[in-house]
PDB file of N, CA and C in Angstrom:
ATOM      1  N   MET A   1      10.864 -34.709  -4.860  1.00  0.00           N
ATOM      2  CA  MET A   1      11.634 -33.883  -5.765  1.00  0.00           C
ATOM      3  C   MET A   1      11.717 -32.446  -5.251  1.00  0.00           C
ATOM      4  N   ARG A   2      10.588 -31.978  -4.719  1.00  0.00           N
ATOM      5  CA  ARG A   2      10.544 -30.621  -4.207  1.00  0.00           C
ATOM      6  C   ARG A   2      11.465 -30.481  -2.991  1.00  0.00           C
ATOM      7  N   THR A   3      11.548 -31.497  -2.166  1.00  0.00           N
ATOM      8  CA  THR A   3      12.402 -31.485  -0.991  1.00  0.00           C
ATOM      9  C   THR A   3      13.872 -31.421  -1.387  1.00  0.00           C
ATOM     10  N   ILE A   4      14.252 -32.123  -2.431  1.00  0.00           N
ATOM     11  CA  ILE A   4      15.640 -32.119  -2.902  1.00  0.00           C
ATOM     12  C   ILE A   4      16.019 -30.724  -3.404  1.00  0.00           C
ATOM     13  N   LYS A   5      15.122 -30.084  -4.153  1.00  0.00           N
ATOM     14  CA  LYS A   5      15.392 -28.734  -4.653  1.00  0.00           C
ATOM     15  C   LYS A   5      15.543 -27.748  -3.496  1.00  0.00           C
ATOM     16  N   THR A   6      14.673 -27.872  -2.507  1.00  0.00           N
ATOM     17  CA  THR A   6      14.742 -26.991  -1.342  1.00  0.00           C
ATOM     18  C   THR A   6      16.041 -27.217  -0.583  1.00  0.00           C
ATOM     19  N   LEU A   7      16.428 -28.465  -0.410  1.00  0.00           N
ATOM     20  CA  LEU A   7      17.661 -28.798   0.281  1.00  0.00           C
ATOM     21  C   LEU A   7      18.870 -28.253  -0.475  1.00  0.00           C
ATOM     22  N   LEU A   8      18.885 -28.402  -1.798  1.00  0.00           N
ATOM     23  CA  LEU A   8      19.988 -27.869  -2.605  1.00  0.00           C
ATOM     24  C   LEU A   8      20.060 -26.345  -2.515  1.00  0.00           C
ATOM     25  N   LEU A   9      18.916 -25.687  -2.491  1.00  0.00           N
ATOM     26  CA  LEU A   9      18.880 -24.232  -2.359  1.00  0.00           C
ATOM     27  C   LEU A   9      19.453 -23.798  -1.014  1.00  0.00           C
ATOM     28  N   ILE A  10      19.100 -24.497   0.049  1.00  0.00           N
ATOM     29  CA  ILE A  10      19.616 -24.181   1.384  1.00  0.00           C
ATOM     30  C   ILE A  10      21.124 -24.390   1.438  1.00  0.00           C
ATOM     31  N   VAL A  11      21.604 -25.474   0.868  1.00  0.00           N
ATOM     32  CA  VAL A  11      23.045 -25.745   0.839  1.00  0.00           C
ATOM     33  C   VAL A  11      23.774 -24.657   0.049  1.00  0.00           C
ATOM     34  N   ALA A  12      23.219 -24.260  -1.089  1.00  0.00           N
ATOM     35  CA  ALA A  12      23.843 -23.220  -1.915  1.00  0.00           C
ATOM     36  C   ALA A  12      23.901 -21.888  -1.173  1.00  0.00           C
ATOM     37  N   LEU A  13      22.827 -21.521  -0.500  1.00  0.00           N
ATOM     38  CA  LEU A  13      22.810 -20.272   0.264  1.00  0.00           C
ATOM     39  C   LEU A  13      23.805 -20.305   1.418  1.00  0.00           C
ATOM     40  N   THR A  14      23.870 -21.423   2.103  1.00  0.00           N
ATOM     41  CA  THR A  14      24.809 -21.561   3.209  1.00  0.00           C
ATOM     42  C   THR A  14      26.244 -21.461   2.711  1.00  0.00           C
ATOM     43  N   PHE A  15      26.546 -22.138   1.625  1.00  0.00           N
ATOM     44  CA  PHE A  15      27.896 -22.119   1.067  1.00  0.00           C
ATOM     45  C   PHE A  15      28.285 -20.713   0.621  1.00  0.00           C
ATOM     46  N   SER A  16      27.367 -19.996  -0.038  1.00  0.00           N
ATOM     47  CA  SER A  16      27.686 -18.640  -0.493  1.00  0.00           C
ATOM     48  C   SER A  16      27.860 -17.697   0.689  1.00  0.00           C
ATOM     49  N   SER A  17      27.107 -17.891   1.761  1.00  0.00           N
ATOM     50  CA  SER A  17      27.260 -17.066   2.963  1.00  0.00           C
ATOM     51  C   SER A  17      28.626 -17.279   3.599  1.00  0.00           C
ATOM     52  N   ILE A  18      29.073 -18.513   3.621  1.00  0.00           N
ATOM     53  CA  ILE A  18      30.388 -18.822   4.183  1.00  0.00           C
ATOM     54  C   ILE A  18      31.483 -18.175   3.345  1.00  0.00           C
ATOM     55  N   LEU A  19      31.358 -18.217   2.035  1.00  0.00           N
ATOM     56  CA  LEU A  19      32.359 -17.598   1.166  1.00  0.00           C
ATOM     57  C   LEU A  19      32.424 -16.093   1.366  1.00  0.00           C
ATOM     58  N   VAL A  20      31.286 -15.448   1.464  1.00  0.00           N
ATOM     59  CA  VAL A  20      31.255 -14.000   1.658  1.00  0.00           C
ATOM     60  C   VAL A  20      31.835 -13.637   3.017  1.00  0.00           C
ATOM     61  N   ALA A  21      31.528 -14.389   4.037  1.00  0.00           N
ATOM     62  CA  ALA A  21      32.007 -14.096   5.382  1.00  0.00           C
ATOM     63  C   ALA A  21      33.502 -14.339   5.524  1.00  0.00           C
ATOM     64  N   SER A  22      34.061 -15.210   4.719  1.00  0.00           N
ATOM     65  CA  SER A  22      35.474 -15.548   4.869  1.00  0.00           C
ATOM     66  C   SER A  22      36.404 -14.680   4.036  1.00  0.00           C
ATOM     67  N   THR A  23      35.883 -13.753   3.235  1.00  0.00           N
ATOM     68  CA  THR A  23      36.767 -12.898   2.450  1.00  0.00           C
ATOM     69  C   THR A  23      37.465 -11.918   3.361  1.00  0.00           C
ATOM     70  N   ASN A  24      38.683 -11.563   2.999  1.00  0.00           N
ATOM     71  CA  ASN A  24      39.502 -10.664   3.789  1.00  0.00           C
ATOM     72  C   ASN A  24      39.082  -9.224   3.525  1.00  0.00           C
ATOM     73  N   ALA A  25      38.755  -8.487   4.569  1.00  0.00           N
ATOM     74  CA  ALA A  25      38.340  -7.085   4.423  1.00  0.00           C
ATOM     75  C   ALA A  25      39.486  -6.233   3.889  1.00  0.00           C
ATOM     76  N   GLU A  26      40.711  -6.608   4.192  1.00  0.00           N
ATOM     77  CA  GLU A  26      41.887  -5.870   3.713  1.00  0.00           C
ATOM     78  C   GLU A  26      41.976  -5.903   2.196  1.00  0.00           C
ATOM     79  N   ASP A  27      41.567  -7.001   1.570  1.00  0.00           N
ATOM     80  CA  ASP A  27      41.614  -7.113   0.118  1.00  0.00           C
ATOM     81  C   ASP A  27      40.630  -6.177  -0.560  1.00  0.00           C
ATOM     82  N   LYS A  28      39.561  -5.840   0.136  1.00  0.00           N
ATOM     83  CA  LYS A  28      38.538  -4.983  -0.445  1.00  0.00           C
ATOM     84  C   LYS A  28      38.940  -3.513  -0.434  1.00  0.00           C
ATOM     85  N   ARG A  29      39.962  -3.178   0.324  1.00  0.00           N
ATOM     86  CA  ARG A  29      40.380  -1.787   0.440  1.00  0.00           C
ATOM     87  C   ARG A  29      40.839  -1.266  -0.911  1.00  0.00           C
ATOM     88  N   ASP A  30      40.393  -0.097  -1.254  1.00  0.00           N
ATOM     89  CA  ASP A  30      40.699   0.493  -2.547  1.00  0.00           C
ATOM     90  C   ASP A  30      42.194   0.785  -2.655  1.00  0.00           C
ATOM     91  N   LYS A  31      42.757   0.532  -3.827  1.00  0.00           N
ATOM     92  CA  LYS A  31      44.189   0.745  -4.046  1.00  0.00           C
ATOM     93  C   LYS A  31      44.571   2.207  -3.885  1.00  0.00           C
ATOM     94  N   SER A  32      43.674   3.116  -4.221  1.00  0.00           N
ATOM     95  CA  SER A  32      44.003   4.534  -4.091  1.00  0.00           C
ATOM     96  C   SER A  32      44.183   4.933  -2.630  1.00  0.00           C
ATOM     97  N   VAL A  33      43.525   4.219  -1.710  1.00  0.00           N
ATOM     98  CA  VAL A  33      43.703   4.490  -0.287  1.00  0.00           C
ATOM     99  C   VAL A  33      45.127   4.135   0.129  1.00  0.00           C
ATOM    100  N   VAL A  34      45.652   3.044  -0.379  1.00  0.00           N
ATOM    101  CA  VAL A  34      47.025   2.639  -0.076  1.00  0.00           C
ATOM    102  C   VAL A  34      47.997   3.705  -0.558  1.00  0.00           C
ATOM    103  N   ILE A  35      47.782   4.204  -1.765  1.00  0.00           N
ATOM    104  CA  ILE A  35      48.654   5.241  -2.316  1.00  0.00           C
ATOM    105  C   ILE A  35      48.563   6.510  -1.476  1.00  0.00           C
ATOM    106  N   THR A  36      47.352   6.911  -1.122  1.00  0.00           N
ATOM    107  CA  THR A  36      47.157   8.128  -0.339  1.00  0.00           C
ATOM    108  C   THR A  36      47.839   8.028   1.021  1.00  0.00           C
ATOM    109  N   GLU A  37      47.710   6.890   1.685  1.00  0.00           N
ATOM    110  CA  GLU A  37      48.351   6.704   2.988  1.00  0.00           C
ATOM    111  C   GLU A  37      49.872   6.753   2.871  1.00  0.00           C
ATOM    112  N   GLU A  38      50.418   6.139   1.841  1.00  0.00           N
ATOM    113  CA  GLU A  38      51.869   6.138   1.650  1.00  0.00           C
ATOM    114  C   GLU A  38      52.369   7.546   1.353  1.00  0.00           C
ATOM    115  N   ILE A  39      51.633   8.300   0.555  1.00  0.00           N
ATOM    116  CA  ILE A  39      52.016   9.682   0.259  1.00  0.00           C
ATOM    117  C   ILE A  39      51.992  10.512   1.539  1.00  0.00           C
ATOM    118  N   GLY A  40      50.995  10.298   2.369  1.00  0.00           N
ATOM    119  CA  GLY A  40      50.928  11.008   3.649  1.00  0.00           C
ATOM    120  C   GLY A  40      52.152  10.743   4.509  1.00  0.00           C
ATOM    121  N   LYS A  41      52.607   9.504   4.553  1.00  0.00           N
ATOM    122  CA  LYS A  41      53.804   9.158   5.328  1.00  0.00           C
ATOM    123  C   LYS A  41      55.051   9.810   4.739  1.00  0.00           C
ATOM    124  N   LEU A  42      55.176   9.774   3.416  1.00  0.00           N
ATOM    125  CA  LEU A  42      56.372  10.309   2.767  1.00  0.00           C
ATOM    126  C   LEU A  42      56.461  11.832   2.851  1.00  0.00           C
ATOM    127  N   LEU A  43      55.328  12.510   2.932  1.00  0.00           N
ATOM    128  CA  LEU A  43      55.331  13.970   2.966  1.00  0.00           C
ATOM    129  C   LEU A  43      55.277  14.539   4.381  1.00  0.00           C
ATOM    130  N   LYS A  44      55.358  13.676   5.377  1.00  0.00           N
ATOM    131  CA  LYS A  44      55.359  14.144   6.760  1.00  0.00           C
ATOM    132  C   LYS A  44      56.640  14.909   7.052  1.00  0.00           C
ATOM    133  N   THR A  45      56.557  15.816   7.989  1.00  0.00           N
ATOM    134  CA  THR A  45      57.683  16.630   8.462  1.00  0.00           C
ATOM    135  C   THR A  45      58.492  17.251   7.322  1.00  0.00           C
ATOM    136  N   PRO A  46      57.946  18.290   6.697  1.00  0.00           N
ATOM    137  CA  PRO A  46      58.699  18.984   5.649  1.00  0.00           C
ATOM    138  C   PRO A  46      59.934  19.677   6.228  1.00  0.00           C
ATOM    139  N   SER A  47      60.909  19.921   5.381  1.00  0.00           N
ATOM    140  CA  SER A  47      62.170  20.526   5.813  1.00  0.00           C
ATOM    141  C   SER A  47      62.110  22.047   5.800  1.00  0.00           C
ATOM    142  N   PHE A  48      60.943  22.608   5.652  1.00  0.00           N
ATOM    143  CA  PHE A  48      60.787  24.063   5.629  1.00  0.00           C
ATOM    144  C   PHE A  48      59.653  24.450   6.575  1.00  0.00           C
ATOM    145  N   ILE A  49      59.615  25.733   6.937  1.00  0.00           N
ATOM    146  CA  ILE A  49      58.602  26.227   7.860  1.00  0.00           C
ATOM    147  C   ILE A  49      57.433  26.791   7.062  1.00  0.00           C
ATOM    148  N   LEU A  50      56.254  26.374   7.436  1.00  0.00           N
ATOM    149  CA  LEU A  50      55.040  26.851   6.770  1.00  0.00           C
ATOM    150  C   LEU A  50      54.356  27.905   7.632  1.00  0.00           C
ATOM    151  N   GLU A  51      53.852  28.943   6.984  1.00  0.00           N
ATOM    152  CA  GLU A  51      53.085  29.958   7.694  1.00  0.00           C
ATOM    153  C   GLU A  51      51.591  29.778   7.458  1.00  0.00           C
ATOM    154  N   LYS A  52      51.234  29.082   6.378  1.00  0.00           N
ATOM    155  CA  LYS A  52      49.833  28.861   6.032  1.00  0.00           C
ATOM    156  C   LYS A  52      49.695  27.489   5.376  1.00  0.00           C
ATOM    157  N   ASP A  53      48.461  27.032   5.251  1.00  0.00           N
ATOM    158  CA  ASP A  53      48.196  25.776   4.541  1.00  0.00           C
ATOM    159  C   ASP A  53      48.601  25.924   3.080  1.00  0.00           C
ATOM    160  N   VAL A  54      49.206  24.894   2.527  1.00  0.00           N
ATOM    161  CA  VAL A  54      49.512  24.881   1.093  1.00  0.00           C
ATOM    162  C   VAL A  54      48.868  23.644   0.486  1.00  0.00           C
ATOM    163  N   LYS A  55      48.374  23.813  -0.725  1.00  0.00           N
ATOM    164  CA  LYS A  55      47.676  22.724  -1.408  1.00  0.00           C
ATOM    165  C   LYS A  55      48.301  22.474  -2.766  1.00  0.00           C
ATOM    166  N   ALA A  56      48.193  21.229  -3.208  1.00  0.00           N
ATOM    167  CA  ALA A  56      48.682  20.844  -4.528  1.00  0.00           C
ATOM    168  C   ALA A  56      47.859  19.667  -5.026  1.00  0.00           C
ATOM    169  N   SER A  57      47.847  19.504  -6.310  1.00  0.00           N
ATOM    170  CA  SER A  57      47.220  18.347  -6.936  1.00  0.00           C
ATOM    171  C   SER A  57      48.333  17.574  -7.637  1.00  0.00           C
ATOM    172  N   VAL A  58      48.580  16.361  -7.171  1.00  0.00           N
ATOM    173  CA  VAL A  58      49.692  15.559  -7.678  1.00  0.00           C
ATOM    174  C   VAL A  58      49.155  14.483  -8.618  1.00  0.00           C
ATOM    175  N   THR A  59      49.661  14.478  -9.845  1.00  0.00           N
ATOM    176  CA  THR A  59      49.317  13.437 -10.809  1.00  0.00           C
ATOM    177  C   THR A  59      50.474  12.454 -10.828  1.00  0.00           C
ATOM    178  N   LEU A  60      50.172  11.173 -10.595  1.00  0.00           N
ATOM    179  CA  LEU A  60      51.238  10.178 -10.529  1.00  0.00           C
ATOM    180  C   LEU A  60      50.790   8.867 -11.134  1.00  0.00           C
ATOM    181  N   THR A  61      51.750   8.000 -11.307  1.00  0.00           N
ATOM    182  CA  THR A  61      51.485   6.656 -11.804  1.00  0.00           C
ATOM    183  C   THR A  61      52.391   5.692 -11.045  1.00  0.00           C
ATOM    184  N   ILE A  62      52.170   4.408 -11.234  1.00  0.00           N
ATOM    185  CA  ILE A  62      52.989   3.369 -10.606  1.00  0.00           C
ATOM    186  C   ILE A  62      53.697   2.610 -11.722  1.00  0.00           C
ATOM    187  N   ASN A  63      55.028   2.493 -11.627  1.00  0.00           N
ATOM    188  CA  ASN A  63      55.764   1.784 -12.680  1.00  0.00           C
ATOM    189  C   ASN A  63      55.839   0.284 -12.393  1.00  0.00           C
ATOM    190  N   LYS A  64      56.504  -0.449 -13.281  1.00  0.00           N
ATOM    191  CA  LYS A  64      56.558  -1.912 -13.145  1.00  0.00           C
ATOM    192  C   LYS A  64      57.369  -2.371 -11.939  1.00  0.00           C
ATOM    193  N   ASN A  65      58.188  -1.470 -11.366  1.00  0.00           N
ATOM    194  CA  ASN A  65      58.964  -1.799 -10.171  1.00  0.00           C
ATOM    195  C   ASN A  65      58.220  -1.443  -8.886  1.00  0.00           C
ATOM    196  N   ASN A  66      56.916  -1.145  -9.009  1.00  0.00           N
ATOM    197  CA  ASN A  66      56.071  -0.795  -7.871  1.00  0.00           C
ATOM    198  C   ASN A  66      56.515   0.508  -7.214  1.00  0.00           C
ATOM    199  N   GLU A  67      56.992   1.458  -8.017  1.00  0.00           N
ATOM    200  CA  GLU A  67      57.455   2.744  -7.522  1.00  0.00           C
ATOM    201  C   GLU A  67      56.507   3.857  -7.968  1.00  0.00           C
ATOM    202  N   ILE A  68      56.392   4.882  -7.124  1.00  0.00           N
ATOM    203  CA  ILE A  68      55.598   6.061  -7.466  1.00  0.00           C
ATOM    204  C   ILE A  68      56.399   6.903  -8.450  1.00  0.00           C
ATOM    205  N   VAL A  69      55.762   7.332  -9.528  1.00  0.00           N
ATOM    206  CA  VAL A  69      56.390   8.235 -10.490  1.00  0.00           C
ATOM    207  C   VAL A  69      55.501   9.473 -10.587  1.00  0.00           C
ATOM    208  N   VAL A  70      56.032  10.625 -10.151  1.00  0.00           N
ATOM    209  CA  VAL A  70      55.273  11.871 -10.184  1.00  0.00           C
ATOM    210  C   VAL A  70      55.289  12.409 -11.606  1.00  0.00           C
ATOM    211  N   LEU A  71      54.106  12.586 -12.179  1.00  0.00           N
ATOM    212  CA  LEU A  71      53.993  13.125 -13.534  1.00  0.00           C
ATOM    213  C   LEU A  71      53.890  14.644 -13.515  1.00  0.00           C
ATOM    214  N   SER A  72      53.133  15.188 -12.562  1.00  0.00           N
ATOM    215  CA  SER A  72      53.027  16.645 -12.442  1.00  0.00           C
ATOM    216  C   SER A  72      52.544  17.019 -11.052  1.00  0.00           C
ATOM    217  N   VAL A  73      52.873  18.256 -10.668  1.00  0.00           N
ATOM    218  CA  VAL A  73      52.406  18.821  -9.405  1.00  0.00           C
ATOM    219  C   VAL A  73      51.791  20.172  -9.736  1.00  0.00           C
ATOM    220  N   ASP A  74      50.507  20.304  -9.484  1.00  0.00           N
ATOM    221  CA  ASP A  74      49.796  21.536  -9.810  1.00  0.00           C
ATOM    222  C   ASP A  74      49.634  22.384  -8.554  1.00  0.00           C
ATOM    223  N   THR A  75      50.472  23.422  -8.426  1.00  0.00           N
ATOM    224  CA  THR A  75      50.415  24.360  -7.310  1.00  0.00           C
ATOM    225  C   THR A  75      51.118  25.647  -7.723  1.00  0.00           C
ATOM    226  N   ASP A  76      50.864  26.711  -6.978  1.00  0.00           N
ATOM    227  CA  ASP A  76      51.513  27.993  -7.261  1.00  0.00           C
ATOM    228  C   ASP A  76      52.856  28.121  -6.556  1.00  0.00           C
ATOM    229  N   GLU A  77      53.134  27.259  -5.621  1.00  0.00           N
ATOM    230  CA  GLU A  77      54.352  27.337  -4.810  1.00  0.00           C
ATOM    231  C   GLU A  77      55.457  26.466  -5.407  1.00  0.00           C
ATOM    232  N   ASP A  78      56.532  27.100  -5.896  1.00  0.00           N
ATOM    233  CA  ASP A  78      57.641  26.352  -6.510  1.00  0.00           C
ATOM    234  C   ASP A  78      58.343  25.431  -5.517  1.00  0.00           C
ATOM    235  N   TYR A  79      58.532  25.910  -4.277  1.00  0.00           N
ATOM    236  CA  TYR A  79      59.208  25.082  -3.285  1.00  0.00           C
ATOM    237  C   TYR A  79      58.414  23.812  -2.993  1.00  0.00           C
ATOM    238  N   LEU A  80      57.094  23.904  -3.096  1.00  0.00           N
ATOM    239  CA  LEU A  80      56.246  22.739  -2.845  1.00  0.00           C
ATOM    240  C   LEU A  80      56.384  21.704  -3.962  1.00  0.00           C
ATOM    241  N   VAL A  81      56.506  22.168  -5.194  1.00  0.00           N
ATOM    242  CA  VAL A  81      56.711  21.260  -6.332  1.00  0.00           C
ATOM    243  C   VAL A  81      57.991  20.459  -6.120  1.00  0.00           C
ATOM    244  N   ASN A  82      59.075  21.154  -5.784  1.00  0.00           N
ATOM    245  CA  ASN A  82      60.362  20.478  -5.568  1.00  0.00           C
ATOM    246  C   ASN A  82      60.301  19.517  -4.386  1.00  0.00           C
ATOM    247  N   PHE A  83      59.648  19.937  -3.305  1.00  0.00           N
ATOM    248  CA  PHE A  83      59.532  19.094  -2.118  1.00  0.00           C
ATOM    249  C   PHE A  83      58.771  17.808  -2.426  1.00  0.00           C
ATOM    250  N   ILE A  84      57.627  17.940  -3.087  1.00  0.00           N
ATOM    251  CA  ILE A  84      56.799  16.767  -3.392  1.00  0.00           C
ATOM    252  C   ILE A  84      57.523  15.820  -4.335  1.00  0.00           C
ATOM    253  N   LYS A  85      58.146  16.354  -5.374  1.00  0.00           N
ATOM    254  CA  LYS A  85      58.865  15.487  -6.322  1.00  0.00           C
ATOM    255  C   LYS A  85      60.032  14.778  -5.651  1.00  0.00           C
ATOM    256  N   SER A  86      60.774  15.482  -4.811  1.00  0.00           N
ATOM    257  CA  SER A  86      61.935  14.847  -4.172  1.00  0.00           C
ATOM    258  C   SER A  86      61.521  13.778  -3.167  1.00  0.00           C
ATOM    259  N   ARG A  87      60.386  13.973  -2.509  1.00  0.00           N
ATOM    260  CA  ARG A  87      59.937  12.999  -1.512  1.00  0.00           C
ATOM    261  C   ARG A  87      59.223  11.793  -2.123  1.00  0.00           C
ATOM    262  N   LEU A  88      58.558  11.983  -3.265  1.00  0.00           N
ATOM    263  CA  LEU A  88      57.721  10.906  -3.807  1.00  0.00           C
ATOM    264  C   LEU A  88      58.331  10.142  -4.973  1.00  0.00           C
ATOM    265  N   ASN A  89      59.072  10.827  -5.834  1.00  0.00           N
ATOM    266  CA  ASN A  89      59.536  10.192  -7.066  1.00  0.00           C
ATOM    267  C   ASN A  89      60.372   8.945  -6.799  1.00  0.00           C
ATOM    268  N   TYR A  90      59.974   7.858  -7.389  1.00  0.00           N
ATOM    269  CA  TYR A  90      60.655   6.563  -7.350  1.00  0.00           C
ATOM    270  C   TYR A  90      60.753   5.963  -5.953  1.00  0.00           C
ATOM    271  N   LYS A  91      59.790   6.307  -5.089  1.00  0.00           N
ATOM    272  CA  LYS A  91      59.696   5.654  -3.782  1.00  0.00           C
ATOM    273  C   LYS A  91      58.826   4.414  -3.956  1.00  0.00           C
ATOM    274  N   GLU A  92      59.292   3.303  -3.414  1.00  0.00           N
ATOM    275  CA  GLU A  92      58.585   2.033  -3.588  1.00  0.00           C
ATOM    276  C   GLU A  92      57.398   1.933  -2.636  1.00  0.00           C
ATOM    277  N   LEU A  93      56.293   1.408  -3.155  1.00  0.00           N
ATOM    278  CA  LEU A  93      55.111   1.184  -2.326  1.00  0.00           C
ATOM    279  C   LEU A  93      55.327  -0.055  -1.463  1.00  0.00           C
ATOM    280  N   PRO A  94      54.754  -0.087  -0.256  1.00  0.00           N
ATOM    281  CA  PRO A  94      54.994  -1.201   0.659  1.00  0.00           C
ATOM    282  C   PRO A  94      54.361  -2.521   0.227  1.00  0.00           C
ATOM    283  N   ALA A  95      53.295  -2.459  -0.539  1.00  0.00           N
ATOM    284  CA  ALA A  95      52.602  -3.677  -0.963  1.00  0.00           C
ATOM    285  C   ALA A  95      52.608  -3.762  -2.481  1.00  0.00           C
ATOM    286  N   PRO A  96      52.577  -4.973  -3.036  1.00  0.00           N
ATOM    287  CA  PRO A  96      52.519  -5.116  -4.495  1.00  0.00           C
ATOM    288  C   PRO A  96      51.299  -4.398  -5.054  1.00  0.00           C
ATOM    289  N   PHE A  97      51.488  -3.742  -6.160  1.00  0.00           N
ATOM    290  CA  PHE A  97      50.436  -2.932  -6.760  1.00  0.00           C
ATOM    291  C   PHE A  97      50.338  -3.288  -8.223  1.00  0.00           C
ATOM    292  N   ASP A  98      49.157  -3.678  -8.673  1.00  0.00           N
ATOM    293  CA  ASP A  98      49.006  -4.189 -10.030  1.00  0.00           C
ATOM    294  C   ASP A  98      48.370  -3.192 -10.996  1.00  0.00           C
ATOM    295  N   SER A  99      48.553  -1.908 -10.767  1.00  0.00           N
ATOM    296  CA  SER A  99      47.942  -0.897 -11.634  1.00  0.00           C
ATOM    297  C   SER A  99      48.989  -0.154 -12.445  1.00  0.00           C
ATOM    298  N   GLU A 100      49.930  -0.875 -12.996  1.00  0.00           N
ATOM    299  CA  GLU A 100      50.981  -0.261 -13.801  1.00  0.00           C
ATOM    300  C   GLU A 100      50.360   0.497 -14.971  1.00  0.00           C
ATOM    301  N   GLY A 101      50.791   1.734 -15.135  1.00  0.00           N
ATOM    302  CA  GLY A 101      50.303   2.552 -16.233  1.00  0.00           C
ATOM    303  C   GLY A 101      49.050   3.344 -15.912  1.00  0.00           C
ATOM    304  N   LYS A 102      48.386   3.051 -14.819  1.00  0.00           N
ATOM    305  CA  LYS A 102      47.186   3.781 -14.426  1.00  0.00           C
ATOM    306  C   LYS A 102      47.605   5.110 -13.793  1.00  0.00           C
ATOM    307  N   THR A 103      46.879   6.180 -14.092  1.00  0.00           N
ATOM    308  CA  THR A 103      47.203   7.504 -13.568  1.00  0.00           C
ATOM    309  C   THR A 103      46.288   7.838 -12.397  1.00  0.00           C
ATOM    310  N   PHE A 104      46.870   8.401 -11.345  1.00  0.00           N
ATOM    311  CA  PHE A 104      46.123   8.805 -10.160  1.00  0.00           C
ATOM    312  C   PHE A 104      46.321  10.296  -9.929  1.00  0.00           C
ATOM    313  N   ILE A 105      45.276  10.978  -9.503  1.00  0.00           N
ATOM    314  CA  ILE A 105      45.374  12.383  -9.112  1.00  0.00           C
ATOM    315  C   ILE A 105      45.084  12.435  -7.617  1.00  0.00           C
ATOM    316  N   VAL A 106      46.081  12.894  -6.858  1.00  0.00           N
ATOM    317  CA  VAL A 106      45.974  12.898  -5.402  1.00  0.00           C
ATOM    318  C   VAL A 106      46.051  14.337  -4.904  1.00  0.00           C
ATOM    319  N   PRO A 107      45.019  14.813  -4.210  1.00  0.00           N
ATOM    320  CA  PRO A 107      45.109  16.150  -3.614  1.00  0.00           C
ATOM    321  C   PRO A 107      45.999  16.101  -2.373  1.00  0.00           C
ATOM    322  N   VAL A 108      46.879  17.084  -2.244  1.00  0.00           N
ATOM    323  CA  VAL A 108      47.805  17.137  -1.115  1.00  0.00           C
ATOM    324  C   VAL A 108      47.604  18.469  -0.400  1.00  0.00           C
ATOM    325  N   ARG A 109      47.510  18.410   0.910  1.00  0.00           N
ATOM    326  CA  ARG A 109      47.434  19.631   1.722  1.00  0.00           C
ATOM    327  C   ARG A 109      48.419  19.480   2.861  1.00  0.00           C
ATOM    328  N   ILE A 110      49.322  20.439   2.974  1.00  0.00           N
ATOM    329  CA  ILE A 110      50.301  20.427   4.054  1.00  0.00           C
ATOM    330  C   ILE A 110      49.975  21.610   4.956  1.00  0.00           C
ATOM    331  N   ILE A 111      49.819  21.320   6.241  1.00  0.00           N
ATOM    332  CA  ILE A 111      49.448  22.371   7.185  1.00  0.00           C
ATOM    333  C   ILE A 111      50.613  22.649   8.132  1.00  0.00           C
ATOM    334  N   PRO A 112      50.725  23.886   8.617  1.00  0.00           N
ATOM    335  CA  PRO A 112      51.811  24.212   9.550  1.00  0.00           C
ATOM    336  C   PRO A 112      51.634  23.468  10.870  1.00  0.00           C
ATOM    337  N   GLU A 113      52.735  23.102  11.483  1.00  0.00           N
ATOM    338  CA  GLU A 113      52.674  22.424  12.779  1.00  0.00           C
ATOM    339  C   GLU A 113      52.434  23.446  13.877  1.00  0.00           C
ATOM    340  N   GLY A 114      51.742  22.997  14.919  1.00  0.00           N
ATOM    341  CA  GLY A 114      51.565  23.846  16.092  1.00  0.00           C
ATOM    342  C   GLY A 114      50.367  24.605  16.060  1.00  0.00           C
TER     343      GLY A 114
END
């Protein structure tokens, strides 16, 4: 009886190890990382010349069509508010996102080139 219990324990441990090893690392990636990377791509190469670093805090959500919806941009620079809203609002995310209605706050820093 003791041998059967030991054998079942070994089988259970082996099976659970196989399940853990076979999970996709990409699935474990945090959804906010996907949003941050997409925002970085969309805000690349601004249409204006920067003399100094500019920072903003962007509050956004994802709608049912998997699009970014900018709720607010917290910065002192008016041109930056317009730039961020025009580049991000209603841009579709590349992968399906199941956090409809969830609010994200993303810090944005744009630095001058060169």
